[in-house]
Structure formats: C-alpha cells, structure tokens
C-alpha cells in the first residue's frame, strides 16, 4: 500500500478499575485500504473502537487523523474529524421513525434515501417506525446514514454478523467503493473468510496490545489465529466416529408447524450426535428452536423427547425434560449485573422450596468445574456484563454443564465471537456428543457446519429441503439447498 496515513492510534491505554482493557494498542490506517481490526474476545477491540469514535477517552496515547492529533469528547467530534462508525447493533432510536432518526443525525435525507435505494431498501418509507423493522434492514439503514455523512474513515464493527448473504454483499461493495475513492474502512469481523476477501491488511490485538499486522489475502489466516491466541495454530480436529446409539432418538420432531414461517419440519436427533440446521434468514429456524425450547407453542405437529411426546408450556418444562437452550443473544439468557457464579448456578435452584440455605460447597464445586472446563476469563467476575461477548456466551454454556442436560439446543452460539472461542465451543460440542449428549446446532456461518456437525438438515420456506452428512456439506452445496435449488435428500 502506498496511500498516505489517514489515521494513526499510538500507545492507546485504558483501565476500568482493576481491569486493564488496553495496555498499548497501535493502529495505522492508510488512504485507499480496507483495514481489519482483529483479536479474541476481551483483546480490547471494542475499547479501542470506543476511543476512536469518542465514546471513551484513553488514559494514555494519542489519536492522529491526517497529521493532526485529536482528543474526541463525543462521537459527534469524531464525525467532524471524518470518522463515522456503524455497529452490529444499529444506533437508531426504536420509537422514532426512519426519517426522524435521520434528522437527529443531521444528515441529508436525500443522500440517505439514495444509499437505501442502492441497497434495495427503497420500499422502506421515511414514516416507518424503527422498532417495527427487522434487524438486518436496520443495519443497512444505519450504514446508509453513515455513508450520507461522506466520512474519510468508515468504521464497520461486526455489521455483517448474522446478515444474510445478499445483504452482506452490499456491505462488501461499500467497502470496496470507499477504498476505490481513496478513503479508508476499518473492518471488524470474526469471519476470516470475509477478512481475506476484502481486507488489505489486518492489525491483531491480544491482551490489550497490538501484536502484529498481517496481509490476510496471502495465507495469513493461520498467522492471524496464531497471533490472536498467542500459540501455534493447531490443525483442525479429525472427524470423530459416529457415536449415534442404535436405540431411540433423544429428540424427534414430526410435522412441526408454527406461525407463517415454520410449515412442516420433521427430523430426528440421536444421543452422541451433533445435528446441524442450515438456513438463510427467516426460513423458520428461530420458530423451530423456540418450539423445542418451550418459548412458544407449536400450531401443529409433535415433539418427542426420549421417545415420549412432550408439550411444553414454558421453558422450565423443556429444562425438566432435559432440553436446554443456548441462544444467539446471550443478554437474553444472563443476569448482566450479577456475578459469574450466580449466573451459572441459577438453574441449580429449580423449585421455590429450594430457596433459602443453599449447599454452597457443592454448588461452588460444580460452578468452578464448569468455569475451568470452558476457560472463562473471570477477571471481571463480579458482574457478567463486564465480560467480553465470548466469555458471556461461555457462561451461558457453563450454566448447563453445571446443571446437566440430555439435549443441547445451540442457536447461532458463536455469533460475534472470535475464532479462538469458536474453536473452543465447537470442540466442547464434539466432546459433549462423544459423552452421549445430543446437540442441535443452527449457525448463520455455513462453513462452520462441516467443522462441528455429523449431519445437517437444510430449511427453506419452513420445510426441510435437504439432509446430508456434514462431510458432504460444503458451502456451495448448502447455499444451493438453502435457496431451494436442490431436492430433498
């Protein structure tokens, strides 16, 4: 790259009480490049982003844009300096209309509309209330608002997480367009395939320190993983033998229907098996998992647990039957202001009469064992909300390890989680299956199916349109089936 340096962050440090979030972070972004910012959960990416965008002020270090040092006291100050950010969670006021949100941002409505039309969102009216629009559309509306400000540096923080492929393509096109115009994009994603496809360079953080700059397009994937983890990359684990028992399935679903999206789904899941569910956005996968987990009642069909028909009125009924859920939105599953121990131990107190004096020693031993097994970073253990996203998801999984289960439902459990934590979670799922548990896994990242699963069923239009062994489930095959282009197996 030969472009002039647009942004340089030097020796950025930040502490939150006794927790050191950033020790010495450096980042250099040049004109005409898409620059990835990578690191494991807890490495300091989010904190550095908040420094760059004026949400937080660093304890030490400086931020230089086009040769001028800046101290940003607000996101508005960062925008005036030419740096605009778009986050995974759209920064839109839910009770206001799209048009009202644009006026709040002080951007030209005509420019926002132009970008929305380019993204295929011309049908969204300015009077549409934000909370009534689906999340993928809100992410692109937020991106359109940012682009209307014509920033020199566009920061995209996990905006593609869980976006369907057709919408994510708009994000990649914008990144390439901004690069072609001699501007810059800071791109944050845990999907290495995305990084390799569109990024020119990648800066890697580990434990609050910048540990290297890598060219991801020239065999840099394993180098990135090595820098993130601080260890030599390990070869992918060989596929385990089929542990499915010869007896009855742990879970059966027959002709399940719910609402408009889940129309007719049948499959079986055996002990010792990880069964993948592949689907594009809105094909009934969320309704399927909600019905099995007791979050909603199906309109028709049958669910059997260990051969017995079950009817769940509440998630507690499913938990009582040995079926537990790890959701994509870990905030829904956690008490964010309570401790790691309290969050993990919560299901151990299942009945009202159990409340009072608790067997603290036994509870503590089970919680500690789950923490060790998942290698949870407990430096900020007093409040779960202070943990990184990956460690929060580990806490959700640890809860069920401590409590016990027969069937584990994982709905996009690695969304927004770094590659190191993903590998830990997938290794754990394989280990749980090897010990006789049954695992049902939906992931929005199709390449992960072959990594973690034994078989996969594909949903399209609320129906199972394909079933195949995971060894045959490469991304092109899954994409064709997920678009309804192949017949059922």
Protein backbone atom coordinates (compact mmCIF):
# COMPACT_ATOMS: atom_id res chain seq x y z
CA UNK A 1 0.00 0.00 0.00
CA UNK A 2 1.30 3.44 -0.87
CA UNK A 3 -1.55 5.68 0.36
CA UNK A 4 -0.97 8.44 2.88
CA UNK A 5 -1.70 7.65 6.51
CA UNK A 6 -5.23 8.78 7.36
CA UNK A 7 -5.36 7.59 10.97
CA UNK A 8 -2.72 6.61 13.48
CA UNK A 9 -3.51 5.48 17.03
CA UNK A 10 -0.38 5.31 19.16
CA UNK A 11 0.12 3.54 22.50
CA UNK A 12 -3.56 3.72 23.45
CA UNK A 13 -4.23 2.55 27.02
CA UNK A 14 -7.37 2.31 29.11
CA UNK A 15 -8.17 0.83 32.52
CA UNK A 16 -11.55 0.18 34.13
CA UNK A 17 -10.84 -0.05 37.84
CA UNK A 18 -8.56 -3.03 38.34
CA UNK A 19 -9.24 -4.39 34.82
CA UNK A 20 -6.76 -3.34 32.13
CA UNK A 21 -8.68 -3.26 28.84
CA UNK A 22 -5.90 -1.76 26.70
CA UNK A 23 -2.21 -1.73 27.54
CA UNK A 24 -0.57 -0.36 24.41
CA UNK A 25 -2.64 -0.51 21.23
CA UNK A 26 -1.39 0.84 17.89
CA UNK A 27 -3.31 1.12 14.63
CA UNK A 28 -2.30 2.70 11.33
CA UNK A 29 -4.87 3.07 8.54
CA UNK A 30 -3.92 4.35 5.07
CA UNK A 31 -5.90 6.01 2.33
CA UNK A 32 -7.26 3.53 -0.20
CA UNK A 33 -7.33 0.46 2.05
CA UNK A 34 -9.74 -1.73 3.95
CA UNK A 35 -8.02 -2.48 7.24
CA UNK A 36 -9.21 -5.29 9.54
CA UNK A 37 -9.05 -4.99 13.32
CA UNK A 38 -8.93 -8.45 14.88
CA UNK A 39 -8.48 -10.11 18.22
CA UNK A 40 -10.05 -12.62 20.56
CA UNK A 41 -12.99 -11.53 22.70
CA UNK A 42 -11.51 -9.49 25.52
CA UNK A 43 -8.45 -8.49 23.49
CA UNK A 44 -9.50 -4.83 23.55
CA UNK A 45 -11.13 -4.28 20.13
CA UNK A 46 -14.33 -2.78 21.49
CA UNK A 47 -12.45 -0.49 23.84
CA UNK A 48 -10.18 0.74 21.06
CA UNK A 49 -13.20 1.39 18.83
CA UNK A 50 -14.79 3.45 21.59
CA UNK A 51 -11.58 5.51 21.85
CA UNK A 52 -11.50 6.11 18.10
CA UNK A 53 -15.17 7.14 17.97
CA UNK A 54 -15.23 9.44 21.00
CA UNK A 55 -17.34 7.22 23.27
CA UNK A 56 -14.43 6.91 25.73
CA UNK A 57 -11.22 8.85 26.27
CA UNK A 58 -7.90 7.00 26.56
CA UNK A 59 -5.84 7.09 29.75
CA UNK A 60 -2.72 7.34 27.61
CA UNK A 61 -1.67 7.56 23.97
CA UNK A 62 -2.92 9.73 21.14
CA UNK A 63 -5.11 9.62 18.03
CA UNK A 64 -3.88 11.38 14.90
CA UNK A 65 -6.04 11.99 11.80
CA UNK A 66 -4.37 13.41 8.69
CA UNK A 67 -1.41 14.53 10.78
CA UNK A 68 -3.44 16.34 13.45
CA UNK A 69 -3.76 14.99 16.99
CA UNK A 70 -7.33 14.83 18.33
CA UNK A 71 -8.97 14.37 21.71
CA UNK A 72 -12.53 13.29 20.99
CA UNK A 73 -15.02 14.18 23.71
CA UNK A 74 -18.01 12.72 21.86
CA UNK A 75 -18.95 10.69 18.76
CA UNK A 76 -20.02 13.98 17.15
CA UNK A 77 -16.44 15.25 17.49
CA UNK A 78 -15.13 12.09 15.79
CA UNK A 79 -17.63 12.58 12.95
CA UNK A 80 -16.48 16.16 12.44
CA UNK A 81 -12.92 14.82 12.09
CA UNK A 82 -14.10 12.44 9.36
CA UNK A 83 -14.54 9.16 11.27
CA UNK A 84 -18.02 7.61 11.30
CA UNK A 85 -18.89 4.21 12.76
CA UNK A 86 -21.59 1.61 12.13
CA UNK A 87 -22.12 -1.04 14.79
CA UNK A 88 -23.62 -4.51 14.90
CA UNK A 89 -26.48 -3.07 16.97
CA UNK A 90 -27.89 -0.14 14.98
CA UNK A 91 -27.68 3.27 16.68
CA UNK A 92 -31.29 4.13 15.88
CA UNK A 93 -33.99 5.28 18.32
CA UNK A 94 -36.57 2.46 18.18
CA UNK A 95 -39.67 4.55 18.95
CA UNK A 96 -38.93 7.13 16.24
CA UNK A 97 -39.45 6.84 12.50
CA UNK A 98 -36.67 6.32 9.99
CA UNK A 99 -37.00 9.94 8.91
CA UNK A 100 -36.85 11.23 12.49
CA UNK A 101 -33.64 9.25 13.07
CA UNK A 102 -32.08 10.83 10.00
CA UNK A 103 -32.94 14.32 11.26
CA UNK A 104 -31.41 13.51 14.65
CA UNK A 105 -28.15 12.60 12.91
CA UNK A 106 -28.13 15.84 10.95
CA UNK A 107 -27.56 14.16 7.58
CA UNK A 108 -29.22 14.93 4.25
CA UNK A 109 -32.35 12.81 3.90
CA UNK A 110 -31.92 12.71 0.12
CA UNK A 111 -28.45 11.18 0.47
CA UNK A 112 -29.69 8.57 2.94
CA UNK A 113 -32.51 7.71 0.56
CA UNK A 114 -30.06 7.37 -2.34
CA UNK A 115 -27.98 4.84 -0.41
CA UNK A 116 -31.06 2.98 0.78
CA UNK A 117 -32.22 2.61 -2.80
CA UNK A 118 -28.78 1.34 -3.78
CA UNK A 119 -29.17 -1.31 -1.05
CA UNK A 120 -32.58 -2.30 -2.38
CA UNK A 121 -34.41 -0.64 0.53
CA UNK A 122 -36.35 1.91 -1.48
CA UNK A 123 -39.57 0.31 -0.24
CA UNK A 124 -38.86 1.44 3.37
CA UNK A 125 -40.92 4.59 3.95
CA UNK A 126 -39.47 7.53 5.95
CA UNK A 127 -42.50 7.22 8.23
CA UNK A 128 -41.76 3.59 9.14
CA UNK A 129 -41.21 3.10 12.89
CA UNK A 130 -37.77 1.66 13.58
CA UNK A 131 -38.89 -0.96 16.11
CA UNK A 132 -41.25 -2.47 13.51
CA UNK A 133 -38.45 -3.16 11.00
CA UNK A 134 -36.33 -6.35 11.00
CA UNK A 135 -32.78 -6.10 12.33
CA UNK A 136 -30.98 -6.81 9.01
CA UNK A 137 -32.75 -3.86 7.38
CA UNK A 138 -31.92 -1.60 10.32
CA UNK A 139 -28.23 -2.40 9.92
CA UNK A 140 -28.27 -1.26 6.31
CA UNK A 141 -30.33 1.84 7.15
CA UNK A 142 -27.71 2.72 9.78
CA UNK A 143 -25.00 2.17 7.16
CA UNK A 144 -26.85 4.43 4.70
CA UNK A 145 -27.00 7.14 7.36
CA UNK A 146 -23.25 6.85 7.98
CA UNK A 147 -22.42 7.00 4.26
CA UNK A 148 -24.56 10.12 3.82
CA UNK A 149 -22.01 11.92 6.06
CA UNK A 150 -19.25 11.14 3.47
CA UNK A 151 -16.65 10.09 6.08
CA UNK A 152 -12.96 9.80 5.27
CA UNK A 153 -12.76 6.76 7.53
CA UNK A 154 -15.71 4.36 7.80
CA UNK A 155 -15.61 2.00 10.79
CA UNK A 156 -17.72 -1.15 10.36
CA UNK A 157 -17.94 -3.02 13.67
CA UNK A 158 -19.42 -6.53 13.18
CA UNK A 159 -22.12 -5.16 10.89
CA UNK A 160 -22.17 -8.40 8.85
CA UNK A 161 -22.76 -10.65 11.88
CA UNK A 162 -25.86 -12.74 11.06
CA UNK A 163 -26.64 -10.72 7.93
CA UNK A 164 -27.91 -12.95 5.11
CA UNK A 165 -25.53 -13.27 2.19
CA UNK A 166 -27.49 -10.97 -0.13
CA UNK A 167 -27.47 -8.09 2.36
CA UNK A 168 -23.86 -8.66 3.42
CA UNK A 169 -22.88 -8.24 -0.24
CA UNK A 170 -23.94 -4.58 -0.03
CA UNK A 171 -21.54 -4.05 2.87
CA UNK A 172 -18.65 -5.55 0.92
CA UNK A 173 -19.49 -3.43 -2.12
CA UNK A 174 -19.43 -0.27 0.01
CA UNK A 175 -16.04 -1.22 1.48
CA UNK A 176 -14.58 -1.70 -1.99
CA UNK A 177 -16.14 1.52 -3.22
CA UNK A 178 -14.71 3.52 -0.31
CA UNK A 179 -11.27 2.05 -0.98
CA UNK A 180 -11.53 2.93 -4.69
CA UNK A 181 -12.34 6.52 -3.75
CA UNK A 182 -9.08 6.84 -1.82
CA UNK A 183 -10.74 6.74 1.57
CA UNK A 184 -10.43 4.03 4.22
CA UNK A 185 -12.50 1.40 6.01
CA UNK A 186 -11.77 -0.15 9.39
CA UNK A 187 -13.48 -3.54 9.21
CA UNK A 188 -14.17 -5.70 12.27
CA UNK A 189 -15.43 -9.23 11.78
CA UNK A 190 -14.83 -12.63 13.31
CA UNK A 191 -15.31 -14.27 9.90
CA UNK A 192 -11.86 -14.93 8.49
CA UNK A 193 -13.28 -15.57 5.02
CA UNK A 194 -14.65 -12.02 4.95
CA UNK A 195 -11.34 -10.60 6.14
CA UNK A 196 -9.39 -12.46 3.46
CA UNK A 197 -11.85 -11.45 0.74
CA UNK A 198 -11.94 -7.67 1.21
CA UNK A 199 -9.17 -6.52 3.57
CA UNK A 200 -5.72 -5.32 2.54
CA UNK A 201 -4.14 -5.56 5.98
CA UNK A 202 -5.16 -6.75 9.44
CA UNK A 203 -3.98 -5.48 12.82
CA UNK A 204 -4.27 -8.09 15.57
CA UNK A 205 -4.76 -7.30 19.27
CA UNK A 206 -4.05 -9.67 22.14
CA UNK A 207 -4.47 -8.83 25.82
CA UNK A 208 -4.75 -5.13 25.05
CA UNK A 209 -1.60 -4.95 22.94
CA UNK A 210 -1.11 -4.75 19.17
CA UNK A 211 0.84 -7.91 18.34
CA UNK A 212 1.14 -7.80 14.56
CA UNK A 213 0.00 -6.57 11.16
CA UNK A 214 -0.80 -9.29 8.60
CA UNK A 215 -1.72 -9.49 4.92
CA UNK A 216 -4.80 -11.75 5.18
CA UNK A 217 -5.03 -12.46 1.44
CA UNK A 218 -1.68 -14.28 1.20
CA UNK A 219 -2.06 -17.23 3.54
CA UNK A 220 -2.46 -15.06 6.60
CA UNK A 221 -5.36 -16.94 8.22
CA UNK A 222 -3.29 -19.27 10.39
CA UNK A 223 -0.89 -16.41 11.19
CA UNK A 224 -3.85 -14.33 12.39
CA UNK A 225 -5.13 -17.17 14.57
CA UNK A 226 -1.64 -17.70 15.98
CA UNK A 227 -1.32 -14.00 16.87
CA UNK A 228 -4.79 -13.90 18.41
CA UNK A 229 -4.22 -16.93 20.60
CA UNK A 230 -0.54 -16.44 21.35
CA UNK A 231 0.12 -20.05 20.38
CA UNK A 232 0.98 -22.03 17.30
CA UNK A 233 -2.16 -22.77 15.27
CA UNK A 234 -3.39 -26.33 15.59
CA UNK A 235 -4.59 -28.45 12.75
CA UNK A 236 -8.31 -28.98 12.51
CA UNK A 237 -9.53 -31.93 14.55
CA UNK A 238 -10.19 -35.06 12.54
CA UNK A 239 -13.85 -36.04 12.38
CA UNK A 240 -14.87 -38.28 15.21
CA UNK A 241 -16.54 -41.61 14.53
CA UNK A 242 -20.34 -41.79 14.53
CA UNK A 243 -21.44 -42.03 18.18
CA UNK A 244 -25.13 -42.38 17.45
CA UNK A 245 -26.75 -45.03 19.59
CA UNK A 246 -28.71 -47.80 17.96
CA UNK A 247 -31.72 -47.07 20.20
CA UNK A 248 -34.35 -44.38 20.12
CA UNK A 249 -33.58 -40.75 19.28
CA UNK A 250 -33.03 -38.21 22.04
CA UNK A 251 -35.24 -35.76 20.15
CA UNK A 252 -37.80 -36.21 17.37
CA UNK A 253 -39.77 -33.53 15.58
CA UNK A 254 -42.68 -34.60 13.38
CA UNK A 255 -44.54 -32.23 11.04
CA UNK A 256 -43.95 -29.25 13.32
CA UNK A 257 -45.74 -26.01 12.39
CA UNK A 258 -45.66 -22.55 13.99
CA UNK A 259 -46.87 -19.23 12.59
CA UNK A 260 -46.27 -18.32 8.96
CA UNK A 261 -42.62 -19.36 8.77
CA UNK A 262 -42.46 -22.90 10.22
CA UNK A 263 -44.68 -25.01 7.97
CA UNK A 264 -43.70 -28.68 8.16
CA UNK A 265 -40.45 -29.83 9.75
CA UNK A 266 -39.51 -33.38 10.68
CA UNK A 267 -36.16 -34.83 11.81
CA UNK A 268 -34.59 -36.98 14.48
CA UNK A 269 -31.53 -36.37 16.67
CA UNK A 270 -29.71 -39.21 18.38
CA UNK A 271 -27.57 -39.31 21.51
CA UNK A 272 -23.93 -38.80 20.60
CA UNK A 273 -24.73 -36.68 17.55
CA UNK A 274 -24.35 -33.04 16.56
CA UNK A 275 -27.08 -32.26 14.04
CA UNK A 276 -26.70 -29.01 12.13
CA UNK A 277 -29.53 -26.82 10.88
CA UNK A 278 -28.67 -24.65 7.87
CA UNK A 279 -30.95 -21.88 6.61
CA UNK A 280 -30.92 -18.36 5.31
CA UNK A 281 -32.63 -15.57 7.25
CA UNK A 282 -36.30 -16.13 8.09
CA UNK A 283 -36.79 -19.74 6.97
CA UNK A 284 -38.39 -20.93 10.22
CA UNK A 285 -35.24 -21.83 12.16
CA UNK A 286 -35.97 -19.39 15.01
CA UNK A 287 -39.54 -20.70 15.38
CA UNK A 288 -38.25 -24.28 15.34
CA UNK A 289 -35.83 -23.70 18.21
CA UNK A 290 -38.39 -21.65 20.15
CA UNK A 291 -40.92 -24.50 19.98
CA UNK A 292 -38.43 -27.15 21.07
CA UNK A 293 -37.14 -24.95 23.92
CA UNK A 294 -40.64 -24.17 25.22
CA UNK A 295 -40.54 -20.50 24.28
CA UNK A 296 -43.66 -20.82 22.10
CA UNK A 297 -46.31 -23.43 21.46
CA UNK A 298 -46.42 -25.04 18.02
CA UNK A 299 -49.57 -24.79 15.93
CA UNK A 300 -49.27 -28.41 14.95
CA UNK A 301 -47.02 -31.43 14.91
CA UNK A 302 -45.32 -33.46 17.62
CA UNK A 303 -42.14 -33.18 19.70
CA UNK A 304 -40.79 -36.34 21.35
CA UNK A 305 -38.05 -36.42 23.98
CA UNK A 306 -36.52 -39.86 24.54
CA UNK A 307 -39.48 -41.41 22.75
CA UNK A 308 -42.17 -39.67 24.83
CA UNK A 309 -44.42 -36.98 23.38
CA UNK A 310 -43.98 -33.68 25.22
CA UNK A 311 -45.98 -30.46 25.29
CA UNK A 312 -44.07 -27.53 26.71
CA UNK A 313 -45.98 -24.57 28.15
CA UNK A 314 -42.85 -22.87 29.46
CA UNK A 315 -39.04 -23.19 29.06
CA UNK A 316 -38.98 -24.74 32.53
CA UNK A 317 -40.94 -27.69 31.12
CA UNK A 318 -38.28 -28.23 28.45
CA UNK A 319 -35.49 -27.93 31.02
CA UNK A 320 -37.29 -30.51 33.16
CA UNK A 321 -37.28 -32.83 30.14
CA UNK A 322 -33.53 -32.37 29.73
CA UNK A 323 -33.71 -29.96 26.76
CA UNK A 324 -31.82 -26.68 27.27
CA UNK A 325 -31.13 -23.68 25.02
CA UNK A 326 -28.05 -21.57 24.32
CA UNK A 327 -29.40 -18.54 22.40
CA UNK A 328 -27.55 -16.26 20.00
CA UNK A 329 -28.43 -13.22 22.11
CA UNK A 330 -26.61 -14.07 25.32
CA UNK A 331 -28.07 -10.99 27.05
CA UNK A 332 -31.46 -12.73 26.98
CA UNK A 333 -30.02 -15.63 28.96
CA UNK A 334 -27.98 -13.71 31.55
CA UNK A 335 -28.48 -11.57 34.62
CA UNK A 336 -25.97 -8.95 33.48
CA UNK A 337 -25.47 -7.23 36.83
CA UNK A 338 -24.97 -10.46 38.77
CA UNK A 339 -21.78 -12.44 39.15
CA UNK A 340 -20.43 -15.26 37.02
CA UNK A 341 -21.10 -17.70 39.84
CA UNK A 342 -24.71 -16.60 40.30
CA UNK A 343 -25.42 -16.82 36.57
CA UNK A 344 -24.01 -20.32 36.26
CA UNK A 345 -25.68 -21.57 39.45
CA UNK A 346 -29.12 -20.16 38.61
CA UNK A 347 -30.74 -23.39 37.30
CA UNK A 348 -29.46 -25.32 40.32
CA UNK A 349 -32.27 -23.66 42.30
CA UNK A 350 -35.20 -25.07 40.37
CA UNK A 351 -38.06 -25.10 42.86
CA UNK A 352 -39.30 -22.46 45.27
CA UNK A 353 -38.85 -24.72 48.28
CA UNK A 354 -35.14 -24.96 47.47
CA UNK A 355 -34.66 -21.26 48.17
CA UNK A 356 -33.04 -20.39 51.45
CA UNK A 357 -29.88 -22.05 52.71
CA UNK A 358 -28.09 -23.50 49.69
CA UNK A 359 -25.44 -26.24 49.60
CA UNK A 360 -22.80 -23.63 48.80
CA UNK A 361 -19.84 -26.02 48.77
CA UNK A 362 -21.41 -28.41 46.27
CA UNK A 363 -22.73 -25.54 44.16
CA UNK A 364 -19.33 -23.83 44.20
CA UNK A 365 -17.56 -27.01 43.10
CA UNK A 366 -19.90 -27.52 40.14
CA UNK A 367 -19.61 -23.89 39.07
CA UNK A 368 -15.82 -23.91 39.41
CA UNK A 369 -15.58 -27.09 37.35
CA UNK A 370 -17.67 -25.55 34.56
CA UNK A 371 -15.56 -22.36 34.61
CA UNK A 372 -12.37 -24.40 34.29
CA UNK A 373 -13.76 -26.59 31.53
CA UNK A 374 -14.69 -23.58 29.41
CA UNK A 375 -11.65 -21.50 30.36
CA UNK A 376 -13.82 -18.50 31.29
CA UNK A 377 -11.93 -15.27 31.93
CA UNK A 378 -13.16 -14.21 35.38
CA UNK A 379 -11.11 -11.04 35.87
CA UNK A 380 -14.39 -9.13 35.97
CA UNK A 381 -16.39 -11.95 37.58
CA UNK A 382 -18.42 -9.68 39.89
CA UNK A 383 -20.71 -8.61 37.01
CA UNK A 384 -21.26 -10.68 33.87
CA UNK A 385 -21.94 -7.53 31.82
CA UNK A 386 -18.28 -6.59 32.17
CA UNK A 387 -17.11 -9.78 30.43
CA UNK A 388 -16.38 -9.93 26.71
CA UNK A 389 -19.09 -11.33 24.45
CA UNK A 390 -17.28 -14.64 24.05
CA UNK A 391 -16.91 -15.11 27.80
CA UNK A 392 -20.56 -14.22 28.32
CA UNK A 393 -21.54 -16.97 25.88
CA UNK A 394 -19.26 -19.37 27.72
CA UNK A 395 -21.12 -18.52 30.94
CA UNK A 396 -24.43 -19.49 29.28
CA UNK A 397 -22.99 -22.84 28.20
CA UNK A 398 -21.30 -23.37 31.58
CA UNK A 399 -24.70 -22.97 33.26
CA UNK A 400 -25.99 -26.08 31.52
CA UNK A 401 -22.77 -28.01 32.09
CA UNK A 402 -23.21 -27.41 35.82
CA UNK A 403 -26.92 -28.22 35.73
CA UNK A 404 -26.87 -31.20 33.38
CA UNK A 405 -28.94 -31.96 30.26
CA UNK A 406 -29.67 -34.60 27.64
CA UNK A 407 -30.25 -32.40 24.58
CA UNK A 408 -28.46 -29.09 23.99
CA UNK A 409 -30.03 -26.58 21.58
CA UNK A 410 -27.48 -24.07 20.26
CA UNK A 411 -28.93 -21.24 18.18
CA UNK A 412 -26.08 -19.39 16.46
CA UNK A 413 -23.96 -19.67 19.63
CA UNK A 414 -20.79 -18.25 18.04
CA UNK A 415 -22.36 -15.11 16.54
CA UNK A 416 -19.92 -12.23 17.06
CA UNK A 417 -17.34 -14.46 18.75
CA UNK A 418 -13.66 -14.68 17.84
CA UNK A 419 -12.14 -17.68 16.09
CA UNK A 420 -10.32 -18.91 19.18
CA UNK A 421 -13.51 -19.04 21.27
CA UNK A 422 -15.38 -20.60 18.35
CA UNK A 423 -12.87 -23.43 18.25
CA UNK A 424 -13.25 -23.95 22.00
CA UNK A 425 -17.06 -24.09 21.72
CA UNK A 426 -17.04 -26.48 18.77
CA UNK A 427 -14.50 -28.73 20.48
CA UNK A 428 -16.78 -28.77 23.54
CA UNK A 429 -19.82 -29.69 21.43
CA UNK A 430 -17.90 -32.59 19.93
CA UNK A 431 -16.79 -33.64 23.41
CA UNK A 432 -20.35 -33.49 24.74
CA UNK A 433 -21.60 -35.59 21.84
CA UNK A 434 -18.83 -38.13 22.42
CA UNK A 435 -20.05 -38.49 26.01
CA UNK A 436 -23.59 -39.27 24.82
CA UNK A 437 -25.33 -35.90 24.70
CA UNK A 438 -27.43 -34.83 21.72
CA UNK A 439 -26.72 -31.41 20.18
CA UNK A 440 -28.89 -29.44 17.74
CA UNK A 441 -26.88 -26.56 16.22
CA UNK A 442 -28.00 -23.70 14.00
CA UNK A 443 -25.27 -21.41 12.72
CA UNK A 444 -25.54 -18.48 10.32
CA UNK A 445 -21.99 -19.22 9.13
CA UNK A 446 -22.37 -22.12 6.71
CA UNK A 447 -18.66 -23.12 6.63
CA UNK A 448 -18.95 -23.99 10.33
CA UNK A 449 -21.42 -26.82 9.63
CA UNK A 450 -18.74 -29.20 8.38
CA UNK A 451 -16.46 -28.20 11.26
CA UNK A 452 -18.84 -29.06 14.08
CA UNK A 453 -21.59 -31.42 12.87
CA UNK A 454 -22.21 -35.04 11.94
CA UNK A 455 -25.28 -34.40 9.78
CA UNK A 456 -27.14 -31.34 8.57
CA UNK A 457 -30.75 -30.63 7.65
CA UNK A 458 -31.49 -27.61 5.43
CA UNK A 459 -34.59 -25.45 5.84
CA UNK A 460 -36.22 -23.43 3.09
CA UNK A 461 -39.69 -21.92 3.26
CA UNK A 462 -40.30 -23.52 6.64
CA UNK A 463 -39.65 -27.05 5.40
CA UNK A 464 -36.74 -29.50 5.36
CA UNK A 465 -35.48 -29.45 1.77
CA UNK A 466 -32.24 -31.33 2.24
CA UNK A 467 -30.40 -33.69 4.56
CA UNK A 468 -26.81 -34.81 4.17
CA UNK A 469 -23.74 -35.93 6.12
CA UNK A 470 -21.62 -33.00 7.24
CA UNK A 471 -18.70 -34.29 5.18
CA UNK A 472 -20.74 -33.53 2.05
CA UNK A 473 -21.98 -30.16 3.33
CA UNK A 474 -19.58 -27.76 1.68
CA UNK A 475 -20.66 -24.12 1.39
CA UNK A 476 -21.77 -24.21 -2.29
CA UNK A 477 -23.92 -27.28 -1.66
CA UNK A 478 -25.52 -25.74 1.42
CA UNK A 479 -26.15 -22.44 -0.34
CA UNK A 480 -27.89 -24.12 -3.27
CA UNK A 481 -30.06 -26.16 -0.92
CA UNK A 482 -30.78 -23.16 1.34
CA UNK A 483 -32.06 -21.28 -1.71
CA UNK A 484 -34.37 -24.17 -2.55
CA UNK A 485 -32.36 -25.20 -5.61
CA UNK A 486 -31.94 -28.87 -4.69
CA UNK A 487 -34.43 -31.55 -3.93
CA UNK A 488 -34.73 -33.13 -0.52
CA UNK A 489 -32.28 -35.90 0.19
